[in-house]
Amino acid sequence: MVGCSTPKARMKTRLPNGDYLTLAVWPGKSDPTAEVITVQVRRFSDGHWETVGRLAAYRTCGGSYSQLPERRQGKQDTEGPALEI
């Protein structure tokens, strides 16, 4: 990712079927006091990691929440269970 950022918080757990459930909180791009909250499920399949489900929400500095649209997957996921967003 260009302009690599670091999440404010990240938590993950392995599900009984071997998938990973990850929650990450990122600073907003245009407003650093806002936050982007992501939850995703990743699975190791056919020799690589893939995201099988993802939900992202935007929290303004005033505390309003809105769901972000799904982002397009431009390339195949090849990372481990934690995804830099």
PDB file of N, CA and C in Angstrom:
ATOM      1  N   MET A   1       0.837  -1.179   0.000  1.00  0.00           N
ATOM      2  CA  MET A   1       0.000   0.000   0.000  1.00  0.00           C
ATOM      3  C   MET A   1       0.880   1.239   0.000  1.00  0.00           C
ATOM      4  N   VAL A   2       0.571   2.206  -0.833  1.00  0.00           N
ATOM      5  CA  VAL A   2       1.319   3.451  -0.895  1.00  0.00           C
ATOM      6  C   VAL A   2       0.989   4.258   0.347  1.00  0.00           C
ATOM      7  N   GLY A   3       1.991   4.916   0.948  1.00  0.00           N
ATOM      8  CA  GLY A   3       1.749   5.690   2.156  1.00  0.00           C
ATOM      9  C   GLY A   3       1.329   4.785   3.300  1.00  0.00           C
ATOM     10  N   CYS A   4       2.056   3.719   3.483  1.00  0.00           N
ATOM     11  CA  CYS A   4       1.736   2.689   4.461  1.00  0.00           C
ATOM     12  C   CYS A   4       1.319   3.292   5.798  1.00  0.00           C
ATOM     13  N   SER A   5       0.180   2.880   6.320  1.00  0.00           N
ATOM     14  CA  SER A   5      -0.276   3.350   7.617  1.00  0.00           C
ATOM     15  C   SER A   5      -0.332   2.175   8.578  1.00  0.00           C
ATOM     16  N   THR A   6      -0.425   2.505   9.834  1.00  0.00           N
ATOM     17  CA  THR A   6      -0.475   1.500  10.881  1.00  0.00           C
ATOM     18  C   THR A   6      -1.842   1.565  11.546  1.00  0.00           C
ATOM     19  N   PRO A   7      -2.456   0.423  11.816  1.00  0.00           N
ATOM     20  CA  PRO A   7      -3.760   0.460  12.474  1.00  0.00           C
ATOM     21  C   PRO A   7      -3.638   0.967  13.907  1.00  0.00           C
ATOM     22  N   LYS A   8      -4.692   1.633  14.375  1.00  0.00           N
ATOM     23  CA  LYS A   8      -4.748   2.067  15.770  1.00  0.00           C
ATOM     24  C   LYS A   8      -4.915   0.855  16.678  1.00  0.00           C
ATOM     25  N   ALA A   9      -5.630  -0.141  16.178  1.00  0.00           N
ATOM     26  CA  ALA A   9      -5.862  -1.374  16.939  1.00  0.00           C
ATOM     27  C   ALA A   9      -6.064  -2.516  15.960  1.00  0.00           C
ATOM     28  N   ARG A  10      -5.671  -3.701  16.373  1.00  0.00           N
ATOM     29  CA  ARG A  10      -5.896  -4.893  15.554  1.00  0.00           C
ATOM     30  C   ARG A  10      -6.073  -6.079  16.491  1.00  0.00           C
ATOM     31  N   MET A  11      -7.109  -6.877  16.214  1.00  0.00           N
ATOM     32  CA  MET A  11      -7.368  -8.090  16.980  1.00  0.00           C
ATOM     33  C   MET A  11      -7.725  -9.190  15.996  1.00  0.00           C
ATOM     34  N   LYS A  12      -7.299 -10.400  16.299  1.00  0.00           N
ATOM     35  CA  LYS A  12      -7.667 -11.522  15.435  1.00  0.00           C
ATOM     36  C   LYS A  12      -7.820 -12.776  16.273  1.00  0.00           C
ATOM     37  N   THR A  13      -8.618 -13.690  15.739  1.00  0.00           N
ATOM     38  CA  THR A  13      -8.810 -14.982  16.385  1.00  0.00           C
ATOM     39  C   THR A  13      -8.989 -16.034  15.303  1.00  0.00           C
ATOM     40  N   ARG A  14      -8.568 -17.220  15.621  1.00  0.00           N
ATOM     41  CA  ARG A  14      -8.734 -18.319  14.666  1.00  0.00           C
ATOM     42  C   ARG A  14     -10.065 -19.002  14.964  1.00  0.00           C
ATOM     43  N   LEU A  15     -10.863 -19.187  13.934  1.00  0.00           N
ATOM     44  CA  LEU A  15     -12.162 -19.832  14.065  1.00  0.00           C
ATOM     45  C   LEU A  15     -11.993 -21.348  14.060  1.00  0.00           C
ATOM     46  N   PRO A  16     -12.983 -22.085  14.568  1.00  0.00           N
ATOM     47  CA  PRO A  16     -12.865 -23.548  14.632  1.00  0.00           C
ATOM     48  C   PRO A  16     -12.568 -24.217  13.288  1.00  0.00           C
ATOM     49  N   ASN A  17     -12.997 -23.626  12.176  1.00  0.00           N
ATOM     50  CA  ASN A  17     -12.746 -24.231  10.865  1.00  0.00           C
ATOM     51  C   ASN A  17     -11.384 -23.846  10.285  1.00  0.00           C
ATOM     52  N   GLY A  18     -10.579 -23.068  11.029  1.00  0.00           N
ATOM     53  CA  GLY A  18      -9.242 -22.685  10.573  1.00  0.00           C
ATOM     54  C   GLY A  18      -9.163 -21.307   9.952  1.00  0.00           C
ATOM     55  N   ASP A  19     -10.304 -20.697   9.642  1.00  0.00           N
ATOM     56  CA  ASP A  19     -10.315 -19.332   9.108  1.00  0.00           C
ATOM     57  C   ASP A  19      -9.882 -18.352  10.197  1.00  0.00           C
ATOM     58  N   TYR A  20      -9.473 -17.156   9.788  1.00  0.00           N
ATOM     59  CA  TYR A  20      -9.139 -16.092  10.731  1.00  0.00           C
ATOM     60  C   TYR A  20     -10.183 -14.989  10.649  1.00  0.00           C
ATOM     61  N   LEU A  21     -10.635 -14.519  11.810  1.00  0.00           N
ATOM     62  CA  LEU A  21     -11.529 -13.373  11.926  1.00  0.00           C
ATOM     63  C   LEU A  21     -10.687 -12.226  12.462  1.00  0.00           C
ATOM     64  N   THR A  22     -10.639 -11.116  11.718  1.00  0.00           N
ATOM     65  CA  THR A  22      -9.781  -9.984  12.077  1.00  0.00           C
ATOM     66  C   THR A  22     -10.590  -8.702  12.169  1.00  0.00           C
ATOM     67  N   LEU A  23     -10.315  -7.906  13.200  1.00  0.00           N
ATOM     68  CA  LEU A  23     -10.890  -6.576  13.361  1.00  0.00           C
ATOM     69  C   LEU A  23      -9.728  -5.596  13.395  1.00  0.00           C
ATOM     70  N   ALA A  24      -9.818  -4.529  12.618  1.00  0.00           N
ATOM     71  CA  ALA A  24      -8.768  -3.505  12.609  1.00  0.00           C
ATOM     72  C   ALA A  24      -9.420  -2.129  12.607  1.00  0.00           C
ATOM     73  N   VAL A  25      -8.773  -1.194  13.296  1.00  0.00           N
ATOM     74  CA  VAL A  25      -9.229   0.197  13.340  1.00  0.00           C
ATOM     75  C   VAL A  25      -8.104   1.050  12.767  1.00  0.00           C
ATOM     76  N   TRP A  26      -8.429   1.793  11.703  1.00  0.00           N
ATOM     77  CA  TRP A  26      -7.453   2.606  10.979  1.00  0.00           C
ATOM     78  C   TRP A  26      -7.806   4.076  11.104  1.00  0.00           C
ATOM     79  N   PRO A  27      -6.800   4.966  11.121  1.00  0.00           N
ATOM     80  CA  PRO A  27      -7.106   6.403  11.078  1.00  0.00           C
ATOM     81  C   PRO A  27      -7.686   6.767   9.715  1.00  0.00           C
ATOM     82  N   GLY A  28      -8.581   7.753   9.688  1.00  0.00           N
ATOM     83  CA  GLY A  28      -9.139   8.210   8.416  1.00  0.00           C
ATOM     84  C   GLY A  28      -8.062   8.841   7.549  1.00  0.00           C
ATOM     85  N   LYS A  29      -8.235   8.782   6.234  1.00  0.00           N
ATOM     86  CA  LYS A  29      -7.237   9.356   5.324  1.00  0.00           C
ATOM     87  C   LYS A  29      -7.319  10.874   5.289  1.00  0.00           C
ATOM     88  N   SER A  30      -8.509  11.410   5.087  1.00  0.00           N
ATOM     89  CA  SER A  30      -8.643  12.870   4.986  1.00  0.00           C
ATOM     90  C   SER A  30      -8.812  13.520   6.352  1.00  0.00           C
ATOM     91  N   ASP A  31      -9.306  12.783   7.341  1.00  0.00           N
ATOM     92  CA  ASP A  31      -9.489  13.291   8.704  1.00  0.00           C
ATOM     93  C   ASP A  31      -8.900  12.269   9.670  1.00  0.00           C
ATOM     94  N   PRO A  32      -7.684  12.499  10.176  1.00  0.00           N
ATOM     95  CA  PRO A  32      -7.031  11.523  11.058  1.00  0.00           C
ATOM     96  C   PRO A  32      -7.782  11.262  12.363  1.00  0.00           C
ATOM     97  N   THR A  33      -8.740  12.152  12.726  1.00  0.00           N
ATOM     98  CA  THR A  33      -9.517  11.909  13.943  1.00  0.00           C
ATOM     99  C   THR A  33     -10.693  10.970  13.675  1.00  0.00           C
ATOM    100  N   ALA A  34     -11.007  10.738  12.408  1.00  0.00           N
ATOM    101  CA  ALA A  34     -12.034   9.760  12.039  1.00  0.00           C
ATOM    102  C   ALA A  34     -11.383   8.378  12.018  1.00  0.00           C
ATOM    103  N   GLU A  35     -12.202   7.342  11.917  1.00  0.00           N
ATOM    104  CA  GLU A  35     -11.670   5.980  11.910  1.00  0.00           C
ATOM    105  C   GLU A  35     -12.379   5.125  10.863  1.00  0.00           C
ATOM    106  N   VAL A  36     -11.629   4.181  10.321  1.00  0.00           N
ATOM    107  CA  VAL A  36     -12.188   3.151   9.452  1.00  0.00           C
ATOM    108  C   VAL A  36     -12.054   1.838  10.214  1.00  0.00           C
ATOM    109  N   ILE A  37     -13.171   1.157  10.408  1.00  0.00           N
ATOM    110  CA  ILE A  37     -13.206  -0.097  11.153  1.00  0.00           C
ATOM    111  C   ILE A  37     -13.465  -1.212  10.148  1.00  0.00           C
ATOM    112  N   THR A  38     -12.591  -2.208  10.127  1.00  0.00           N
ATOM    113  CA  THR A  38     -12.767  -3.322   9.194  1.00  0.00           C
ATOM    114  C   THR A  38     -12.850  -4.637   9.957  1.00  0.00           C
ATOM    115  N   VAL A  39     -13.712  -5.503   9.472  1.00  0.00           N
ATOM    116  CA  VAL A  39     -13.838  -6.865   9.988  1.00  0.00           C
ATOM    117  C   VAL A  39     -13.759  -7.773   8.768  1.00  0.00           C
ATOM    118  N   GLN A  40     -12.914  -8.787   8.831  1.00  0.00           N
ATOM    119  CA  GLN A  40     -12.824  -9.689   7.685  1.00  0.00           C
ATOM    120  C   GLN A  40     -12.533 -11.117   8.115  1.00  0.00           C
ATOM    121  N   VAL A  41     -12.921 -12.030   7.245  1.00  0.00           N
ATOM    122  CA  VAL A  41     -12.647 -13.452   7.426  1.00  0.00           C
ATOM    123  C   VAL A  41     -11.727 -13.867   6.289  1.00  0.00           C
ATOM    124  N   ARG A  42     -10.602 -14.518   6.661  1.00  0.00           N
ATOM    125  CA  ARG A  42      -9.627 -14.963   5.660  1.00  0.00           C
ATOM    126  C   ARG A  42      -9.438 -16.463   5.792  1.00  0.00           C
ATOM    127  N   ARG A  43      -9.197 -17.093   4.637  1.00  0.00           N
ATOM    128  CA  ARG A  43      -9.083 -18.552   4.576  1.00  0.00           C
ATOM    129  C   ARG A  43      -7.882 -18.929   3.713  1.00  0.00           C
ATOM    130  N   PHE A  44      -7.165 -19.959   4.164  1.00  0.00           N
ATOM    131  CA  PHE A  44      -6.062 -20.497   3.371  1.00  0.00           C
ATOM    132  C   PHE A  44      -6.635 -21.553   2.448  1.00  0.00           C
ATOM    133  N   SER A  45      -6.511 -21.330   1.149  1.00  0.00           N
ATOM    134  CA  SER A  45      -7.106 -22.232   0.165  1.00  0.00           C
ATOM    135  C   SER A  45      -6.203 -22.310  -1.062  1.00  0.00           C
ATOM    136  N   ASP A  46      -5.959 -23.493  -1.528  1.00  0.00           N
ATOM    137  CA  ASP A  46      -5.149 -23.711  -2.731  1.00  0.00           C
ATOM    138  C   ASP A  46      -3.787 -23.025  -2.656  1.00  0.00           C
ATOM    139  N   GLY A  47      -3.170 -23.047  -1.478  1.00  0.00           N
ATOM    140  CA  GLY A  47      -1.824 -22.512  -1.333  1.00  0.00           C
ATOM    141  C   GLY A  47      -1.714 -21.013  -1.129  1.00  0.00           C
ATOM    142  N   HIS A  48      -2.845 -20.315  -0.961  1.00  0.00           N
ATOM    143  CA  HIS A  48      -2.771 -18.872  -0.710  1.00  0.00           C
ATOM    144  C   HIS A  48      -3.926 -18.431   0.196  1.00  0.00           C
ATOM    145  N   TRP A  49      -3.774 -17.257   0.812  1.00  0.00           N
ATOM    146  CA  TRP A  49      -4.818 -16.689   1.661  1.00  0.00           C
ATOM    147  C   TRP A  49      -5.778 -15.884   0.808  1.00  0.00           C
ATOM    148  N   GLU A  50      -7.069 -16.031   1.096  1.00  0.00           N
ATOM    149  CA  GLU A  50      -8.073 -15.245   0.390  1.00  0.00           C
ATOM    150  C   GLU A  50      -9.059 -14.665   1.398  1.00  0.00           C
ATOM    151  N   THR A  51      -9.556 -13.485   1.102  1.00  0.00           N
ATOM    152  CA  THR A  51     -10.574 -12.860   1.931  1.00  0.00           C
ATOM    153  C   THR A  51     -11.919 -13.399   1.476  1.00  0.00           C
ATOM    154  N   VAL A  52     -12.657 -14.034   2.399  1.00  0.00           N
ATOM    155  CA  VAL A  52     -13.950 -14.614   2.035  1.00  0.00           C
ATOM    156  C   VAL A  52     -15.115 -13.733   2.468  1.00  0.00           C
ATOM    157  N   GLY A  53     -14.867 -12.778   3.346  1.00  0.00           N
ATOM    158  CA  GLY A  53     -15.901 -11.840   3.766  1.00  0.00           C
ATOM    159  C   GLY A  53     -15.265 -10.613   4.380  1.00  0.00           C
ATOM    160  N   ARG A  54     -15.858  -9.436   4.113  1.00  0.00           N
ATOM    161  CA  ARG A  54     -15.287  -8.195   4.625  1.00  0.00           C
ATOM    162  C   ARG A  54     -16.396  -7.182   4.843  1.00  0.00           C
ATOM    163  N   LEU A  55     -16.301  -6.449   5.948  1.00  0.00           N
ATOM    164  CA  LEU A  55     -17.221  -5.362   6.250  1.00  0.00           C
ATOM    165  C   LEU A  55     -16.379  -4.194   6.737  1.00  0.00           C
ATOM    166  N   ALA A  56     -16.649  -3.004   6.213  1.00  0.00           N
ATOM    167  CA  ALA A  56     -15.910  -1.811   6.625  1.00  0.00           C
ATOM    168  C   ALA A  56     -16.905  -0.710   6.974  1.00  0.00           C
ATOM    169  N   ALA A  57     -16.595   0.019   8.033  1.00  0.00           N
ATOM    170  CA  ALA A  57     -17.438   1.133   8.466  1.00  0.00           C
ATOM    171  C   ALA A  57     -16.560   2.350   8.707  1.00  0.00           C
ATOM    172  N   TYR A  58     -17.141   3.530   8.495  1.00  0.00           N
ATOM    173  CA  TYR A  58     -16.440   4.799   8.709  1.00  0.00           C
ATOM    174  C   TYR A  58     -17.080   5.488   9.901  1.00  0.00           C
ATOM    175  N   ARG A  59     -16.253   5.918  10.863  1.00  0.00           N
ATOM    176  CA  ARG A  59     -16.739   6.663  12.021  1.00  0.00           C
ATOM    177  C   ARG A  59     -16.167   8.063  11.963  1.00  0.00           C
ATOM    178  N   THR A  60     -17.045   9.054  11.902  1.00  0.00           N
ATOM    179  CA  THR A  60     -16.587  10.441  11.876  1.00  0.00           C
ATOM    180  C   THR A  60     -16.101  10.838  13.258  1.00  0.00           C
ATOM    181  N   CYS A  61     -15.400  11.969  13.339  1.00  0.00           N
ATOM    182  CA  CYS A  61     -14.931  12.450  14.639  1.00  0.00           C
ATOM    183  C   CYS A  61     -16.117  12.783  15.547  1.00  0.00           C
ATOM    184  N   GLY A  62     -17.297  13.027  14.962  1.00  0.00           N
ATOM    185  CA  GLY A  62     -18.503  13.300  15.739  1.00  0.00           C
ATOM    186  C   GLY A  62     -19.228  12.054  16.213  1.00  0.00           C
ATOM    187  N   GLY A  63     -18.763  10.880  15.801  1.00  0.00           N
ATOM    188  CA  GLY A  63     -19.344   9.632  16.268  1.00  0.00           C
ATOM    189  C   GLY A  63     -20.412   9.041  15.372  1.00  0.00           C
ATOM    190  N   SER A  64     -20.592   9.573  14.163  1.00  0.00           N
ATOM    191  CA  SER A  64     -21.556   8.995  13.219  1.00  0.00           C
ATOM    192  C   SER A  64     -20.893   7.846  12.465  1.00  0.00           C
ATOM    193  N   TYR A  65     -21.663   6.783  12.224  1.00  0.00           N
ATOM    194  CA  TYR A  65     -21.151   5.606  11.524  1.00  0.00           C
ATOM    195  C   TYR A  65     -21.853   5.430  10.190  1.00  0.00           C
ATOM    196  N   SER A  66     -21.102   4.959   9.198  1.00  0.00           N
ATOM    197  CA  SER A  66     -21.695   4.598   7.912  1.00  0.00           C
ATOM    198  C   SER A  66     -20.909   3.422   7.340  1.00  0.00           C
ATOM    199  N   GLN A  67     -21.634   2.539   6.645  1.00  0.00           N
ATOM    200  CA  GLN A  67     -20.979   1.383   6.028  1.00  0.00           C
ATOM    201  C   GLN A  67     -20.306   1.824   4.743  1.00  0.00           C
ATOM    202  N   LEU A  68     -19.068   1.404   4.563  1.00  0.00           N
ATOM    203  CA  LEU A  68     -18.331   1.714   3.343  1.00  0.00           C
ATOM    204  C   LEU A  68     -18.676   0.690   2.268  1.00  0.00           C
ATOM    205  N   PRO A  69     -18.638   1.096   1.001  1.00  0.00           N
ATOM    206  CA  PRO A  69     -18.915   0.135  -0.070  1.00  0.00           C
ATOM    207  C   PRO A  69     -17.802  -0.903  -0.143  1.00  0.00           C
ATOM    208  N   GLU A  70     -18.134  -2.059  -0.718  1.00  0.00           N
ATOM    209  CA  GLU A  70     -17.121  -3.097  -0.894  1.00  0.00           C
ATOM    210  C   GLU A  70     -16.046  -2.581  -1.823  1.00  0.00           C
ATOM    211  N   ARG A  71     -14.806  -2.891  -1.486  1.00  0.00           N
ATOM    212  CA  ARG A  71     -13.727  -2.476  -2.382  1.00  0.00           C
ATOM    213  C   ARG A  71     -13.475  -3.585  -3.376  1.00  0.00           C
ATOM    214  N   ARG A  72     -13.018  -3.191  -4.543  1.00  0.00           N
ATOM    215  CA  ARG A  72     -12.733  -4.164  -5.599  1.00  0.00           C
ATOM    216  C   ARG A  72     -11.411  -4.834  -5.319  1.00  0.00           C
ATOM    217  N   GLN A  73     -11.349  -6.132  -5.529  1.00  0.00           N
ATOM    218  CA  GLN A  73     -10.114  -6.885  -5.360  1.00  0.00           C
ATOM    219  C   GLN A  73      -9.339  -6.813  -6.658  1.00  0.00           C
ATOM    220  N   GLY A  74      -8.286  -5.994  -6.690  1.00  0.00           N
ATOM    221  CA  GLY A  74      -7.502  -5.822  -7.899  1.00  0.00           C
ATOM    222  C   GLY A  74      -6.509  -6.932  -8.141  1.00  0.00           C
ATOM    223  N   LYS A  75      -6.122  -7.628  -7.072  1.00  0.00           N
ATOM    224  CA  LYS A  75      -5.163  -8.717  -7.226  1.00  0.00           C
ATOM    225  C   LYS A  75      -5.538  -9.824  -6.258  1.00  0.00           C
ATOM    226  N   GLN A  76      -5.009 -10.979  -6.498  1.00  0.00           N
ATOM    227  CA  GLN A  76      -5.286 -12.126  -5.655  1.00  0.00           C
ATOM    228  C   GLN A  76      -4.582 -11.942  -4.321  1.00  0.00           C
ATOM    229  N   ASP A  77      -5.264 -12.278  -3.216  1.00  0.00           N
ATOM    230  CA  ASP A  77      -4.664 -12.176  -1.890  1.00  0.00           C
ATOM    231  C   ASP A  77      -3.560 -13.209  -1.751  1.00  0.00           C
ATOM    232  N   THR A  78      -2.395 -12.764  -1.291  1.00  0.00           N
ATOM    233  CA  THR A  78      -1.291 -13.694  -1.093  1.00  0.00           C
ATOM    234  C   THR A  78      -0.681 -13.534   0.286  1.00  0.00           C
ATOM    235  N   GLU A  79      -1.262 -12.687   1.115  1.00  0.00           N
ATOM    236  CA  GLU A  79      -0.706 -12.428   2.432  1.00  0.00           C
ATOM    237  C   GLU A  79      -1.148 -13.480   3.435  1.00  0.00           C
ATOM    238  N   GLY A  80      -0.626 -13.349   4.642  1.00  0.00           N
ATOM    239  CA  GLY A  80      -1.053 -14.184   5.746  1.00  0.00           C
ATOM    240  C   GLY A  80      -2.393 -13.701   6.270  1.00  0.00           C
ATOM    241  N   PRO A  81      -2.764 -14.134   7.463  1.00  0.00           N
ATOM    242  CA  PRO A  81      -4.083 -13.837   7.984  1.00  0.00           C
ATOM    243  C   PRO A  81      -4.350 -12.362   8.257  1.00  0.00           C
ATOM    244  N   ALA A  82      -3.345 -11.553   8.473  1.00  0.00           N
ATOM    245  CA  ALA A  82      -3.558 -10.131   8.721  1.00  0.00           C
ATOM    246  C   ALA A  82      -3.354  -9.368   7.419  1.00  0.00           C
ATOM    247  N   LEU A  83      -4.301  -8.515   7.079  1.00  0.00           N
ATOM    248  CA  LEU A  83      -4.247  -7.785   5.818  1.00  0.00           C
ATOM    249  C   LEU A  83      -4.054  -6.314   6.089  1.00  0.00           C
ATOM    250  N   GLU A  84      -3.031  -5.708   5.512  1.00  0.00           N
ATOM    251  CA  GLU A  84      -2.837  -4.272   5.620  1.00  0.00           C
ATOM    252  C   GLU A  84      -3.818  -3.584   4.706  1.00  0.00           C
ATOM    253  N   ILE A  85      -4.568  -2.658   5.248  1.00  0.00           N
ATOM    254  CA  ILE A  85      -5.608  -1.977   4.473  1.00  0.00           C
ATOM    255  C   ILE A  85      -5.254  -0.520   4.313  1.00  0.00           C
TER     256      ILE A  85
END
